[in-house]
Amino acid sequence: MLCLARASARLGRDKRGFTLVELLAVMAVLAIIAAIAVPR
């Protein structure tokens, strides 16, 4: 994951941190994992 973040940063992104879309994607994945893991 860190390698991908560094690679995307090299592609011309000069923004620091994550974009809103990236944060939403991470939150969605975490929510899915939590929904699967919690009932068990």
Protein backbone atom coordinates (compact mmCIF):
# COMPACT_ATOMS: atom_id res chain seq x y z
CA MET A 1 0.00 0.00 0.00
CA LEU A 2 2.78 2.43 0.85
CA CYS A 3 4.47 1.60 -2.44
CA LEU A 4 1.27 2.41 -4.33
CA ALA A 5 0.87 5.68 -2.44
CA ARG A 6 4.44 6.68 -3.23
CA ALA A 7 4.04 5.68 -6.87
CA SER A 8 0.88 7.75 -7.25
CA ALA A 9 2.61 10.68 -5.56
CA ARG A 10 5.32 10.49 -8.21
CA LEU A 11 2.77 10.79 -11.00
CA GLY A 12 2.38 14.51 -10.43
CA ARG A 13 0.24 14.78 -7.35
CA ASP A 14 1.48 17.50 -5.07
CA LYS A 15 -1.41 17.25 -2.62
CA ARG A 16 -0.62 16.13 0.88
CA GLY A 17 -2.65 13.39 2.55
CA PHE A 18 -5.57 11.67 0.90
CA THR A 19 -8.25 12.92 -1.43
CA LEU A 20 -11.91 12.70 -0.40
CA VAL A 21 -12.50 9.84 -2.82
CA GLU A 22 -9.62 7.85 -1.35
CA LEU A 23 -10.89 8.39 2.18
CA LEU A 24 -14.40 7.30 1.17
CA ALA A 25 -13.00 4.18 -0.50
CA VAL A 26 -11.02 3.26 2.61
CA MET A 27 -14.01 3.86 4.86
CA ALA A 28 -16.20 1.70 2.62
CA VAL A 29 -13.72 -1.18 2.70
CA LEU A 30 -13.35 -0.93 6.48
CA ALA A 31 -17.13 -0.87 6.89
CA ILE A 32 -17.50 -4.01 4.78
CA ILE A 33 -14.78 -5.82 6.73
CA ALA A 34 -16.37 -4.75 10.03
CA ALA A 35 -19.82 -5.90 8.87
CA ILE A 36 -18.41 -9.32 8.00
CA ALA A 37 -16.26 -9.71 11.11
CA VAL A 38 -18.56 -8.37 13.86
CA PRO A 39 -21.48 -10.88 13.61
CA ARG A 40 -19.01 -13.74 14.02
